[in-house]
């Protein structure tokens, strides 16, 4: 099944956290927090201004993102778990090899 989000919504697949700590301890499923990192799978066309002008999306399929702990609505599509969230719930895009800039 192909899913296309509407307006400024984004379909996200969570990226699971490591099963071991850096010291080698295995973390049981009951002690893991829900990851707040994901991969954008699909995006809507964007929101519209009152004038009807389209506001383009800042994220695209394939982007790795960070989002709030309680963001989005959990859905199951073709047996796989996803989140559907508004673009405004996304905190930022992770870019490999670049350091974060402090304000």
C-alpha atoms as a PDB file:
ATOM      1  CA  UNK A   1       0.000   0.000   0.000  1.00  0.00           C
ATOM      2  CA  UNK A   2       1.303   3.464  -0.863  1.00  0.00           C
ATOM      3  CA  UNK A   3       0.539   6.209   1.691  1.00  0.00           C
ATOM      4  CA  UNK A   4       0.642   9.922   0.819  1.00  0.00           C
ATOM      5  CA  UNK A   5       0.350  12.359   3.764  1.00  0.00           C
ATOM      6  CA  UNK A   6      -1.904  15.369   3.284  1.00  0.00           C
ATOM      7  CA  UNK A   7      -0.982  19.039   3.718  1.00  0.00           C
ATOM      8  CA  UNK A   8       1.966  19.549   6.127  1.00  0.00           C
ATOM      9  CA  UNK A   9       2.025  16.012   7.511  1.00  0.00           C
ATOM     10  CA  UNK A  10       5.003  13.655   7.415  1.00  0.00           C
ATOM     11  CA  UNK A  11       5.201   9.836   7.555  1.00  0.00           C
ATOM     12  CA  UNK A  12       8.148   8.774   9.749  1.00  0.00           C
ATOM     13  CA  UNK A  13       9.747   5.423  10.583  1.00  0.00           C
ATOM     14  CA  UNK A  14      11.380   5.389  14.024  1.00  0.00           C
ATOM     15  CA  UNK A  15      15.069   4.538  14.116  1.00  0.00           C
ATOM     16  CA  UNK A  16      15.547   2.099  16.971  1.00  0.00           C
ATOM     17  CA  UNK A  17      18.148   2.837  19.624  1.00  0.00           C
ATOM     18  CA  UNK A  18      21.141   0.644  20.393  1.00  0.00           C
ATOM     19  CA  UNK A  19      20.513  -2.599  22.262  1.00  0.00           C
ATOM     20  CA  UNK A  20      23.788  -2.258  24.203  1.00  0.00           C
ATOM     21  CA  UNK A  21      25.418   0.543  26.178  1.00  0.00           C
ATOM     22  CA  UNK A  22      28.909   1.745  25.263  1.00  0.00           C
ATOM     23  CA  UNK A  23      30.180  -0.438  28.125  1.00  0.00           C
ATOM     24  CA  UNK A  24      28.586  -3.540  26.563  1.00  0.00           C
ATOM     25  CA  UNK A  25      25.552  -3.937  28.842  1.00  0.00           C
ATOM     26  CA  UNK A  26      22.420  -5.192  27.083  1.00  0.00           C
ATOM     27  CA  UNK A  27      19.390  -2.935  27.586  1.00  0.00           C
ATOM     28  CA  UNK A  28      16.115  -4.877  28.023  1.00  0.00           C
ATOM     29  CA  UNK A  29      13.079  -3.744  25.990  1.00  0.00           C
ATOM     30  CA  UNK A  30      11.256  -2.694  29.168  1.00  0.00           C
ATOM     31  CA  UNK A  31      14.014  -0.200  30.043  1.00  0.00           C
ATOM     32  CA  UNK A  32      14.337   1.376  26.585  1.00  0.00           C
ATOM     33  CA  UNK A  33      12.869   4.799  25.892  1.00  0.00           C
ATOM     34  CA  UNK A  34      10.985   5.406  22.692  1.00  0.00           C
ATOM     35  CA  UNK A  35      13.481   6.783  20.183  1.00  0.00           C
ATOM     36  CA  UNK A  36      12.939  10.351  19.091  1.00  0.00           C
ATOM     37  CA  UNK A  37      14.927   9.899  15.900  1.00  0.00           C
ATOM     38  CA  UNK A  38      13.410   8.780  12.641  1.00  0.00           C
ATOM     39  CA  UNK A  39      13.588   8.619   8.875  1.00  0.00           C
ATOM     40  CA  UNK A  40      11.152  10.561   6.710  1.00  0.00           C
ATOM     41  CA  UNK A  41       9.315   8.123   4.435  1.00  0.00           C
ATOM     42  CA  UNK A  42       6.794  10.435   2.746  1.00  0.00           C
ATOM     43  CA  UNK A  43       5.715  14.084   2.952  1.00  0.00           C
ATOM     44  CA  UNK A  44       2.595  16.020   2.037  1.00  0.00           C
ATOM     45  CA  UNK A  45       2.598  18.907  -0.422  1.00  0.00           C
ATOM     46  CA  UNK A  46       2.817  21.526   2.358  1.00  0.00           C
ATOM     47  CA  UNK A  47       0.555  23.908   4.224  1.00  0.00           C
ATOM     48  CA  UNK A  48      -1.264  26.793   2.573  1.00  0.00           C
ATOM     49  CA  UNK A  49      -1.328  30.449   3.556  1.00  0.00           C
ATOM     50  CA  UNK A  50      -4.672  32.245   3.843  1.00  0.00           C
ATOM     51  CA  UNK A  51      -4.024  33.555   0.332  1.00  0.00           C
ATOM     52  CA  UNK A  52      -3.850  29.962  -0.950  1.00  0.00           C
ATOM     53  CA  UNK A  53      -0.107  30.126  -1.619  1.00  0.00           C
ATOM     54  CA  UNK A  54       1.673  26.826  -0.914  1.00  0.00           C
ATOM     55  CA  UNK A  55       4.335  26.774   1.831  1.00  0.00           C
ATOM     56  CA  UNK A  56       6.870  24.137   0.701  1.00  0.00           C
ATOM     57  CA  UNK A  57       8.010  21.413   3.100  1.00  0.00           C
ATOM     58  CA  UNK A  58      11.467  21.669   4.704  1.00  0.00           C
ATOM     59  CA  UNK A  59      11.943  17.892   4.908  1.00  0.00           C
ATOM     60  CA  UNK A  60      12.035  15.270   2.180  1.00  0.00           C
ATOM     61  CA  UNK A  61      11.938  11.470   2.051  1.00  0.00           C
ATOM     62  CA  UNK A  62      15.205   9.991   3.305  1.00  0.00           C
ATOM     63  CA  UNK A  63      15.960  12.789   5.814  1.00  0.00           C
ATOM     64  CA  UNK A  64      16.922  11.689   9.343  1.00  0.00           C
ATOM     65  CA  UNK A  65      15.082  13.830  11.850  1.00  0.00           C
ATOM     66  CA  UNK A  66      14.650  14.448  15.569  1.00  0.00           C
ATOM     67  CA  UNK A  67      11.163  14.921  16.983  1.00  0.00           C
ATOM     68  CA  UNK A  68       9.531  15.388  20.376  1.00  0.00           C
ATOM     69  CA  UNK A  69       9.042  12.383  22.638  1.00  0.00           C
ATOM     70  CA  UNK A  70       5.229  12.514  22.389  1.00  0.00           C
ATOM     71  CA  UNK A  71       4.980  13.736  18.786  1.00  0.00           C
ATOM     72  CA  UNK A  72       2.829  12.148  16.142  1.00  0.00           C
ATOM     73  CA  UNK A  73       0.179   9.492  15.860  1.00  0.00           C
ATOM     74  CA  UNK A  74       1.277   5.862  15.746  1.00  0.00           C
ATOM     75  CA  UNK A  75      -0.102   3.892  12.786  1.00  0.00           C
ATOM     76  CA  UNK A  76       0.514   0.474  11.255  1.00  0.00           C
ATOM     77  CA  UNK A  77       0.749   0.263   7.464  1.00  0.00           C
ATOM     78  CA  UNK A  78       1.332  -3.133   5.826  1.00  0.00           C
ATOM     79  CA  UNK A  79       2.330  -4.541   9.225  1.00  0.00           C
ATOM     80  CA  UNK A  80       5.024  -1.931   9.864  1.00  0.00           C
ATOM     81  CA  UNK A  81       4.881   0.771  12.570  1.00  0.00           C
ATOM     82  CA  UNK A  82       5.079   4.432  11.551  1.00  0.00           C
ATOM     83  CA  UNK A  83       4.320   7.866  12.949  1.00  0.00           C
ATOM     84  CA  UNK A  84       2.301  10.555  11.202  1.00  0.00           C
ATOM     85  CA  UNK A  85       3.132  14.046  12.456  1.00  0.00           C
ATOM     86  CA  UNK A  86       2.914  17.653  11.415  1.00  0.00           C
ATOM     87  CA  UNK A  87       6.092  19.205  10.090  1.00  0.00           C
ATOM     88  CA  UNK A  88       6.036  21.619  13.042  1.00  0.00           C
ATOM     89  CA  UNK A  89       6.543  18.620  15.412  1.00  0.00           C
ATOM     90  CA  UNK A  90       9.961  17.997  13.835  1.00  0.00           C
ATOM     91  CA  UNK A  91      12.763  19.566  15.863  1.00  0.00           C
ATOM     92  CA  UNK A  92      15.472  19.339  13.215  1.00  0.00           C
ATOM     93  CA  UNK A  93      17.210  17.412  10.450  1.00  0.00           C
ATOM     94  CA  UNK A  94      20.323  15.363  11.291  1.00  0.00           C
ATOM     95  CA  UNK A  95      23.147  15.940   8.829  1.00  0.00           C
ATOM     96  CA  UNK A  96      26.033  13.445   8.953  1.00  0.00           C
ATOM     97  CA  UNK A  97      29.494  14.856   9.495  1.00  0.00           C
ATOM     98  CA  UNK A  98      28.355  18.330  10.537  1.00  0.00           C
ATOM     99  CA  UNK A  99      28.643  19.622  14.084  1.00  0.00           C
ATOM    100  CA  UNK A 100      25.737  21.457  15.681  1.00  0.00           C
ATOM    101  CA  UNK A 101      26.142  25.230  15.948  1.00  0.00           C
ATOM    102  CA  UNK A 102      25.511  26.899  19.297  1.00  0.00           C
ATOM    103  CA  UNK A 103      23.584  30.143  19.274  1.00  0.00           C
END
